[in-house]
Amino acid sequence: LSDLRLQIVGMGGLVIDQVSSAVHALLDGDAAIAQ
């Protein structure tokens, strides 16, 4: 259960990073970040 919790927290961090990068790519029209 502890291992699963750590994996979920890690995946949540990745989701936050992905959404932030995607919004940045969209707002700035940055195709490299989008890729």
Full PDB file with SEQRES, HELIX, SHEET, SSBOND, CRYST1, ORIGX, SCALE, CONECT and MASTER records, all heavy atoms in Angstrom:
SEQRES   1 A   35  LEU SER ASP LEU ARG LEU GLN ILE VAL GLY MET GLY GLY          
SEQRES   2 A   35  LEU VAL ILE ASP GLN VAL SER SER ALA VAL HIS ALA LEU          
SEQRES   3 A   35  LEU ASP GLY ASP ALA ALA ILE ALA GLN                          
HELIX    1 AA1 SER A    2  ASP A   28  1                                  27    
HELIX    2 AA2 ALA A   31  ALA A   34  1                                   4    
CRYST1    1.000    1.000    1.000  90.00  90.00  90.00 P 1           1          
ORIGX1      1.000000  0.000000  0.000000        0.00000                         
ORIGX2      0.000000  1.000000  0.000000        0.00000                         
ORIGX3      0.000000  0.000000  1.000000        0.00000                         
SCALE1      1.000000  0.000000  0.000000        0.00000                         
SCALE2      0.000000  1.000000  0.000000        0.00000                         
SCALE3      0.000000  0.000000  1.000000        0.00000                         
ATOM      1  N   LEU A   1       0.830  -1.200   0.000  1.00  0.00           N  
ATOM      2  CA  LEU A   1       0.000   0.000   0.000  1.00  0.00           C  
ATOM      3  C   LEU A   1       0.869   1.256   0.000  1.00  0.00           C  
ATOM      4  O   LEU A   1       0.577   2.215  -0.720  1.00  0.00           O  
ATOM      5  CB  LEU A   1      -0.908  -0.021   1.233  1.00  0.00           C  
ATOM      6  CG  LEU A   1      -2.228   0.695   1.160  1.00  0.00           C  
ATOM      7  CD1 LEU A   1      -3.050   0.218  -0.018  1.00  0.00           C  
ATOM      8  CD2 LEU A   1      -2.991   0.488   2.456  1.00  0.00           C  
ATOM      9  N   SER A   2       1.931   1.241   0.765  1.00  0.00           N  
ATOM     10  CA  SER A   2       2.852   2.371   0.808  1.00  0.00           C  
ATOM     11  C   SER A   2       3.527   2.579  -0.550  1.00  0.00           C  
ATOM     12  O   SER A   2       3.655   3.712  -1.023  1.00  0.00           O  
ATOM     13  CB  SER A   2       3.905   2.140   1.891  1.00  0.00           C  
ATOM     14  OG  SER A   2       4.821   3.201   1.928  1.00  0.00           O  
ATOM     15  N   ASP A   3       3.939   1.479  -1.180  1.00  0.00           N  
ATOM     16  CA  ASP A   3       4.558   1.560  -2.504  1.00  0.00           C  
ATOM     17  C   ASP A   3       3.567   2.119  -3.520  1.00  0.00           C  
ATOM     18  O   ASP A   3       3.922   2.982  -4.330  1.00  0.00           O  
ATOM     19  CB  ASP A   3       5.052   0.181  -2.943  1.00  0.00           C  
ATOM     20  CG  ASP A   3       5.769   0.233  -4.272  1.00  0.00           C  
ATOM     21  OD1 ASP A   3       6.687   1.065  -4.423  1.00  0.00           O  
ATOM     22  OD2 ASP A   3       5.415  -0.560  -5.163  1.00  0.00           O  
ATOM     23  N   LEU A   4       2.327   1.663  -3.475  1.00  0.00           N  
ATOM     24  CA  LEU A   4       1.299   2.157  -4.380  1.00  0.00           C  
ATOM     25  C   LEU A   4       1.064   3.647  -4.177  1.00  0.00           C  
ATOM     26  O   LEU A   4       0.952   4.414  -5.136  1.00  0.00           O  
ATOM     27  CB  LEU A   4      -0.005   1.386  -4.173  1.00  0.00           C  
ATOM     28  CG  LEU A   4      -1.179   1.789  -5.040  1.00  0.00           C  
ATOM     29  CD1 LEU A   4      -0.849   1.612  -6.519  1.00  0.00           C  
ATOM     30  CD2 LEU A   4      -2.408   0.983  -4.664  1.00  0.00           C  
ATOM     31  N   ARG A   5       1.028   4.078  -2.926  1.00  0.00           N  
ATOM     32  CA  ARG A   5       0.841   5.499  -2.621  1.00  0.00           C  
ATOM     33  C   ARG A   5       1.965   6.330  -3.234  1.00  0.00           C  
ATOM     34  O   ARG A   5       1.723   7.373  -3.837  1.00  0.00           O  
ATOM     35  CB  ARG A   5       0.795   5.715  -1.118  1.00  0.00           C  
ATOM     36  CG  ARG A   5       0.599   7.158  -0.717  1.00  0.00           C  
ATOM     37  CD  ARG A   5       0.664   7.344   0.811  1.00  0.00           C  
ATOM     38  NE  ARG A   5       0.542   8.723   1.161  1.00  0.00           N  
ATOM     39  CZ  ARG A   5       1.543   9.602   1.145  1.00  0.00           C  
ATOM     40  NH1 ARG A   5       2.751   9.223   0.778  1.00  0.00           N  
ATOM     41  NH2 ARG A   5       1.354  10.856   1.485  1.00  0.00           N  
ATOM     42  N   LEU A   6       3.204   5.876  -3.078  1.00  0.00           N  
ATOM     43  CA  LEU A   6       4.339   6.606  -3.649  1.00  0.00           C  
ATOM     44  C   LEU A   6       4.245   6.684  -5.174  1.00  0.00           C  
ATOM     45  O   LEU A   6       4.554   7.720  -5.772  1.00  0.00           O  
ATOM     46  CB  LEU A   6       5.651   5.954  -3.227  1.00  0.00           C  
ATOM     47  CG  LEU A   6       6.031   6.106  -1.764  1.00  0.00           C  
ATOM     48  CD1 LEU A   6       7.285   5.281  -1.449  1.00  0.00           C  
ATOM     49  CD2 LEU A   6       6.250   7.567  -1.409  1.00  0.00           C  
ATOM     50  N   GLN A   7       3.815   5.604  -5.796  1.00  0.00           N  
ATOM     51  CA  GLN A   7       3.663   5.606  -7.250  1.00  0.00           C  
ATOM     52  C   GLN A   7       2.580   6.588  -7.688  1.00  0.00           C  
ATOM     53  O   GLN A   7       2.746   7.316  -8.667  1.00  0.00           O  
ATOM     54  CB  GLN A   7       3.331   4.203  -7.750  1.00  0.00           C  
ATOM     55  CG  GLN A   7       4.494   3.240  -7.669  1.00  0.00           C  
ATOM     56  CD  GLN A   7       4.125   1.852  -8.145  1.00  0.00           C  
ATOM     57  OE1 GLN A   7       3.181   1.668  -8.895  1.00  0.00           O  
ATOM     58  NE2 GLN A   7       4.869   0.857  -7.694  1.00  0.00           N  
ATOM     59  N   ILE A   8       1.484   6.625  -6.957  1.00  0.00           N  
ATOM     60  CA  ILE A   8       0.380   7.529  -7.295  1.00  0.00           C  
ATOM     61  C   ILE A   8       0.806   8.979  -7.111  1.00  0.00           C  
ATOM     62  O   ILE A   8       0.524   9.832  -7.960  1.00  0.00           O  
ATOM     63  CB  ILE A   8      -0.872   7.189  -6.465  1.00  0.00           C  
ATOM     64  CG1 ILE A   8      -1.451   5.855  -6.928  1.00  0.00           C  
ATOM     65  CG2 ILE A   8      -1.916   8.299  -6.561  1.00  0.00           C  
ATOM     66  CD1 ILE A   8      -2.530   5.302  -6.039  1.00  0.00           C  
ATOM     67  N   VAL A   9       1.499   9.272  -6.027  1.00  0.00           N  
ATOM     68  CA  VAL A   9       1.982  10.635  -5.791  1.00  0.00           C  
ATOM     69  C   VAL A   9       2.961  11.033  -6.899  1.00  0.00           C  
ATOM     70  O   VAL A   9       2.892  12.157  -7.421  1.00  0.00           O  
ATOM     71  CB  VAL A   9       2.636  10.755  -4.396  1.00  0.00           C  
ATOM     72  CG1 VAL A   9       3.398  12.057  -4.251  1.00  0.00           C  
ATOM     73  CG2 VAL A   9       1.580  10.636  -3.303  1.00  0.00           C  
ATOM     74  N   GLY A  10       3.838  10.127  -7.282  1.00  0.00           N  
ATOM     75  CA  GLY A  10       4.777  10.406  -8.362  1.00  0.00           C  
ATOM     76  C   GLY A  10       4.070  10.662  -9.679  1.00  0.00           C  
ATOM     77  O   GLY A  10       4.419  11.590 -10.422  1.00  0.00           O  
ATOM     78  N   MET A  11       3.066   9.868  -9.974  1.00  0.00           N  
ATOM     79  CA  MET A  11       2.303  10.063 -11.210  1.00  0.00           C  
ATOM     80  C   MET A  11       1.544  11.388 -11.175  1.00  0.00           C  
ATOM     81  O   MET A  11       1.433  12.072 -12.194  1.00  0.00           O  
ATOM     82  CB  MET A  11       1.353   8.892 -11.431  1.00  0.00           C  
ATOM     83  CG  MET A  11       2.087   7.611 -11.792  1.00  0.00           C  
ATOM     84  SD  MET A  11       0.994   6.184 -11.942  1.00  0.00           S  
ATOM     85  CE  MET A  11       0.232   6.537 -13.511  1.00  0.00           C  
ATOM     86  N   GLY A  12       1.047  11.773 -10.010  1.00  0.00           N  
ATOM     87  CA  GLY A  12       0.365  13.063  -9.874  1.00  0.00           C  
ATOM     88  C   GLY A  12       1.310  14.216 -10.185  1.00  0.00           C  
ATOM     89  O   GLY A  12       0.930  15.180 -10.851  1.00  0.00           O  
ATOM     90  N   GLY A  13       2.546  14.105  -9.727  1.00  0.00           N  
ATOM     91  CA  GLY A  13       3.546  15.124 -10.025  1.00  0.00           C  
ATOM     92  C   GLY A  13       3.823  15.212 -11.513  1.00  0.00           C  
ATOM     93  O   GLY A  13       3.975  16.309 -12.066  1.00  0.00           O  
ATOM     94  N   LEU A  14       3.878  14.060 -12.169  1.00  0.00           N  
ATOM     95  CA  LEU A  14       4.094  14.046 -13.613  1.00  0.00           C  
ATOM     96  C   LEU A  14       2.926  14.686 -14.355  1.00  0.00           C  
ATOM     97  O   LEU A  14       3.118  15.405 -15.336  1.00  0.00           O  
ATOM     98  CB  LEU A  14       4.307  12.615 -14.110  1.00  0.00           C  
ATOM     99  CG  LEU A  14       5.598  11.946 -13.664  1.00  0.00           C  
ATOM    100  CD1 LEU A  14       5.587  10.463 -14.050  1.00  0.00           C  
ATOM    101  CD2 LEU A  14       6.809  12.641 -14.260  1.00  0.00           C  
ATOM    102  N   VAL A  15       1.713  14.441 -13.883  1.00  0.00           N  
ATOM    103  CA  VAL A  15       0.526  15.043 -14.508  1.00  0.00           C  
ATOM    104  C   VAL A  15       0.590  16.566 -14.396  1.00  0.00           C  
ATOM    105  O   VAL A  15       0.346  17.289 -15.375  1.00  0.00           O  
ATOM    106  CB  VAL A  15      -0.776  14.502 -13.869  1.00  0.00           C  
ATOM    107  CG1 VAL A  15      -1.978  15.329 -14.295  1.00  0.00           C  
ATOM    108  CG2 VAL A  15      -0.972  13.036 -14.225  1.00  0.00           C  
ATOM    109  N   ILE A  16       0.933  17.055 -13.226  1.00  0.00           N  
ATOM    110  CA  ILE A  16       1.039  18.504 -13.027  1.00  0.00           C  
ATOM    111  C   ILE A  16       2.076  19.090 -13.986  1.00  0.00           C  
ATOM    112  O   ILE A  16       1.837  20.124 -14.624  1.00  0.00           O  
ATOM    113  CB  ILE A  16       1.390  18.829 -11.555  1.00  0.00           C  
ATOM    114  CG1 ILE A  16       0.200  18.502 -10.656  1.00  0.00           C  
ATOM    115  CG2 ILE A  16       1.819  20.291 -11.393  1.00  0.00           C  
ATOM    116  CD1 ILE A  16       0.519  18.534  -9.177  1.00  0.00           C  
ATOM    117  N   ASP A  17       3.217  18.434 -14.105  1.00  0.00           N  
ATOM    118  CA  ASP A  17       4.269  18.912 -15.001  1.00  0.00           C  
ATOM    119  C   ASP A  17       3.811  18.882 -16.457  1.00  0.00           C  
ATOM    120  O   ASP A  17       4.058  19.830 -17.214  1.00  0.00           O  
ATOM    121  CB  ASP A  17       5.532  18.071 -14.820  1.00  0.00           C  
ATOM    122  CG  ASP A  17       6.702  18.627 -15.599  1.00  0.00           C  
ATOM    123  OD1 ASP A  17       6.936  19.852 -15.530  1.00  0.00           O  
ATOM    124  OD2 ASP A  17       7.368  17.842 -16.303  1.00  0.00           O  
ATOM    125  N   GLN A  18       3.139  17.807 -16.846  1.00  0.00           N  
ATOM    126  CA  GLN A  18       2.660  17.687 -18.224  1.00  0.00           C  
ATOM    127  C   GLN A  18       1.643  18.776 -18.560  1.00  0.00           C  
ATOM    128  O   GLN A  18       1.715  19.393 -19.621  1.00  0.00           O  
ATOM    129  CB  GLN A  18       2.026  16.313 -18.462  1.00  0.00           C  
ATOM    130  CG  GLN A  18       3.006  15.177 -18.638  1.00  0.00           C  
ATOM    131  CD  GLN A  18       3.726  15.258 -19.956  1.00  0.00           C  
ATOM    132  OE1 GLN A  18       4.765  15.896 -20.071  1.00  0.00           O  
ATOM    133  NE2 GLN A  18       3.183  14.619 -20.969  1.00  0.00           N  
ATOM    134  N   VAL A  19       0.694  19.015 -17.665  1.00  0.00           N  
ATOM    135  CA  VAL A  19      -0.326  20.046 -17.917  1.00  0.00           C  
ATOM    136  C   VAL A  19       0.325  21.423 -17.994  1.00  0.00           C  
ATOM    137  O   VAL A  19       0.026  22.220 -18.890  1.00  0.00           O  
ATOM    138  CB  VAL A  19      -1.437  20.005 -16.849  1.00  0.00           C  
ATOM    139  CG1 VAL A  19      -2.359  21.210 -16.956  1.00  0.00           C  
ATOM    140  CG2 VAL A  19      -2.233  18.710 -16.963  1.00  0.00           C  
ATOM    141  N   SER A  20       1.243  21.693 -17.089  1.00  0.00           N  
ATOM    142  CA  SER A  20       1.938  22.979 -17.100  1.00  0.00           C  
ATOM    143  C   SER A  20       2.702  23.181 -18.407  1.00  0.00           C  
ATOM    144  O   SER A  20       2.638  24.252 -19.023  1.00  0.00           O  
ATOM    145  CB  SER A  20       2.898  23.048 -15.909  1.00  0.00           C  
ATOM    146  OG  SER A  20       3.662  24.231 -15.947  1.00  0.00           O  
ATOM    147  N   SER A  21       3.427  22.156 -18.829  1.00  0.00           N  
ATOM    148  CA  SER A  21       4.191  22.252 -20.078  1.00  0.00           C  
ATOM    149  C   SER A  21       3.273  22.393 -21.280  1.00  0.00           C  
ATOM    150  O   SER A  21       3.559  23.169 -22.206  1.00  0.00           O  
ATOM    151  CB  SER A  21       5.072  21.012 -20.249  1.00  0.00           C  
ATOM    152  OG  SER A  21       6.058  20.951 -19.246  1.00  0.00           O  
ATOM    153  N   ALA A  22       2.171  21.669 -21.285  1.00  0.00           N  
ATOM    154  CA  ALA A  22       1.231  21.745 -22.405  1.00  0.00           C  
ATOM    155  C   ALA A  22       0.610  23.133 -22.506  1.00  0.00           C  
ATOM    156  O   ALA A  22       0.482  23.687 -23.601  1.00  0.00           O  
ATOM    157  CB  ALA A  22       0.138  20.686 -22.257  1.00  0.00           C  
ATOM    158  N   VAL A  23       0.239  23.712 -21.377  1.00  0.00           N  
ATOM    159  CA  VAL A  23      -0.334  25.062 -21.384  1.00  0.00           C  
ATOM    160  C   VAL A  23       0.712  26.064 -21.860  1.00  0.00           C  
ATOM    161  O   VAL A  23       0.414  26.948 -22.670  1.00  0.00           O  
ATOM    162  CB  VAL A  23      -0.884  25.435 -19.983  1.00  0.00           C  
ATOM    163  CG1 VAL A  23      -1.225  26.912 -19.900  1.00  0.00           C  
ATOM    164  CG2 VAL A  23      -2.098  24.582 -19.652  1.00  0.00           C  
ATOM    165  N   HIS A  24       1.934  25.917 -21.382  1.00  0.00           N  
ATOM    166  CA  HIS A  24       3.023  26.796 -21.820  1.00  0.00           C  
ATOM    167  C   HIS A  24       3.212  26.687 -23.333  1.00  0.00           C  
ATOM    168  O   HIS A  24       3.327  27.711 -24.021  1.00  0.00           O  
ATOM    169  CB  HIS A  24       4.309  26.427 -21.084  1.00  0.00           C  
ATOM    170  CG  HIS A  24       5.519  27.177 -21.512  1.00  0.00           C  
ATOM    171  ND1 HIS A  24       5.689  28.522 -21.293  1.00  0.00           N  
ATOM    172  CD2 HIS A  24       6.628  26.761 -22.165  1.00  0.00           C  
ATOM    173  CE1 HIS A  24       6.850  28.902 -21.784  1.00  0.00           C  
ATOM    174  NE2 HIS A  24       7.439  27.849 -22.326  1.00  0.00           N  
ATOM    175  N   ALA A  25       3.229  25.468 -23.847  1.00  0.00           N  
ATOM    176  CA  ALA A  25       3.392  25.266 -25.297  1.00  0.00           C  
ATOM    177  C   ALA A  25       2.243  25.904 -26.071  1.00  0.00           C  
ATOM    178  O   ALA A  25       2.464  26.538 -27.104  1.00  0.00           O  
ATOM    179  CB  ALA A  25       3.475  23.772 -25.607  1.00  0.00           C  
ATOM    180  N   LEU A  26       1.046  25.756 -25.570  1.00  0.00           N  
ATOM    181  CA  LEU A  26      -0.126  26.310 -26.247  1.00  0.00           C  
ATOM    182  C   LEU A  26      -0.114  27.837 -26.245  1.00  0.00           C  
ATOM    183  O   LEU A  26      -0.294  28.477 -27.281  1.00  0.00           O  
ATOM    184  CB  LEU A  26      -1.406  25.800 -25.577  1.00  0.00           C  
ATOM    185  CG  LEU A  26      -2.714  26.281 -26.177  1.00  0.00           C  
ATOM    186  CD1 LEU A  26      -2.866  25.781 -27.612  1.00  0.00           C  
ATOM    187  CD2 LEU A  26      -3.880  25.813 -25.329  1.00  0.00           C  
ATOM    188  N   LEU A  27       0.130  28.426 -25.081  1.00  0.00           N  
ATOM    189  CA  LEU A  27       0.101  29.889 -24.963  1.00  0.00           C  
ATOM    190  C   LEU A  27       1.235  30.563 -25.731  1.00  0.00           C  
ATOM    191  O   LEU A  27       1.060  31.645 -26.277  1.00  0.00           O  
ATOM    192  CB  LEU A  27       0.136  30.308 -23.489  1.00  0.00           C  
ATOM    193  CG  LEU A  27      -1.094  29.934 -22.664  1.00  0.00           C  
ATOM    194  CD1 LEU A  27      -0.892  30.348 -21.210  1.00  0.00           C  
ATOM    195  CD2 LEU A  27      -2.350  30.564 -23.234  1.00  0.00           C  
ATOM    196  N   ASP A  28       2.401  29.897 -25.749  1.00  0.00           N  
ATOM    197  CA  ASP A  28       3.561  30.485 -26.420  1.00  0.00           C  
ATOM    198  C   ASP A  28       3.713  30.008 -27.862  1.00  0.00           C  
ATOM    199  O   ASP A  28       4.618  30.456 -28.563  1.00  0.00           O  
ATOM    200  CB  ASP A  28       4.845  30.154 -25.653  1.00  0.00           C  
ATOM    201  CG  ASP A  28       4.894  30.821 -24.283  1.00  0.00           C  
ATOM    202  OD1 ASP A  28       4.084  31.740 -24.047  1.00  0.00           O  
ATOM    203  OD2 ASP A  28       5.741  30.423 -23.466  1.00  0.00           O  
ATOM    204  N   GLY A  29       2.858  29.089 -28.267  1.00  0.00           N  
ATOM    205  CA  GLY A  29       2.984  28.540 -29.616  1.00  0.00           C  
ATOM    206  C   GLY A  29       4.307  27.827 -29.822  1.00  0.00           C  
ATOM    207  O   GLY A  29       4.891  27.867 -30.906  1.00  0.00           O  
ATOM    208  N   ASP A  30       4.785  27.151 -28.778  1.00  0.00           N  
ATOM    209  CA  ASP A  30       6.097  26.496 -28.809  1.00  0.00           C  
ATOM    210  C   ASP A  30       5.943  25.022 -29.208  1.00  0.00           C  
ATOM    211  O   ASP A  30       5.589  24.169 -28.399  1.00  0.00           O  
ATOM    212  CB  ASP A  30       6.753  26.614 -27.435  1.00  0.00           C  
ATOM    213  CG  ASP A  30       8.214  26.232 -27.429  1.00  0.00           C  
ATOM    214  OD1 ASP A  30       8.603  25.340 -28.211  1.00  0.00           O  
ATOM    215  OD2 ASP A  30       8.969  26.826 -26.634  1.00  0.00           O  
ATOM    216  N   ALA A  31       6.225  24.742 -30.473  1.00  0.00           N  
ATOM    217  CA  ALA A  31       6.064  23.386 -30.998  1.00  0.00           C  
ATOM    218  C   ALA A  31       7.049  22.413 -30.372  1.00  0.00           C  
ATOM    219  O   ALA A  31       6.735  21.229 -30.200  1.00  0.00           O  
ATOM    220  CB  ALA A  31       6.222  23.393 -32.513  1.00  0.00           C  
ATOM    221  N   ALA A  32       8.233  22.886 -29.999  1.00  0.00           N  
ATOM    222  CA  ALA A  32       9.236  21.998 -29.398  1.00  0.00           C  
ATOM    223  C   ALA A  32       8.759  21.478 -28.039  1.00  0.00           C  
ATOM    224  O   ALA A  32       8.903  20.293 -27.738  1.00  0.00           O  
ATOM    225  CB  ALA A  32      10.572  22.719 -29.252  1.00  0.00           C  
ATOM    226  N   ILE A  33       8.190  22.364 -27.243  1.00  0.00           N  
ATOM    227  CA  ILE A  33       7.668  21.929 -25.936  1.00  0.00           C  
ATOM    228  C   ILE A  33       6.464  21.017 -26.134  1.00  0.00           C  
ATOM    229  O   ILE A  33       6.302  20.018 -25.429  1.00  0.00           O  
ATOM    230  CB  ILE A  33       7.333  23.137 -25.044  1.00  0.00           C  
ATOM    231  CG1 ILE A  33       8.622  23.872 -24.661  1.00  0.00           C  
ATOM    232  CG2 ILE A  33       6.578  22.698 -23.793  1.00  0.00           C  
ATOM    233  CD1 ILE A  33       8.412  25.111 -23.820  1.00  0.00           C  
ATOM    234  N   ALA A  34       5.612  21.345 -27.095  1.00  0.00           N  
ATOM    235  CA  ALA A  34       4.460  20.490 -27.381  1.00  0.00           C  
ATOM    236  C   ALA A  34       4.928  19.084 -27.763  1.00  0.00           C  
ATOM    237  O   ALA A  34       4.356  18.087 -27.305  1.00  0.00           O  
ATOM    238  CB  ALA A  34       3.615  21.091 -28.495  1.00  0.00           C  
ATOM    239  N   GLN A  35       5.972  18.999 -28.573  1.00  0.00           N  
ATOM    240  CA  GLN A  35       6.499  17.681 -28.970  1.00  0.00           C  
ATOM    241  C   GLN A  35       7.074  16.937 -27.770  1.00  0.00           C  
ATOM    242  O   GLN A  35       6.901  15.731 -27.634  1.00  0.00           O  
ATOM    243  CB  GLN A  35       7.569  17.854 -30.063  1.00  0.00           C  
ATOM    244  CG  GLN A  35       7.999  16.552 -30.683  1.00  0.00           C  
ATOM    245  CD  GLN A  35       6.834  15.778 -31.285  1.00  0.00           C  
ATOM    246  OE1 GLN A  35       6.019  16.322 -32.018  1.00  0.00           O  
ATOM    247  NE2 GLN A  35       6.745  14.507 -30.967  1.00  0.00           N  
TER     248      GLN A  35                                                      
MASTER        0    0    0    2    0    0    0    6  247    1    0    3          
END                                                                             
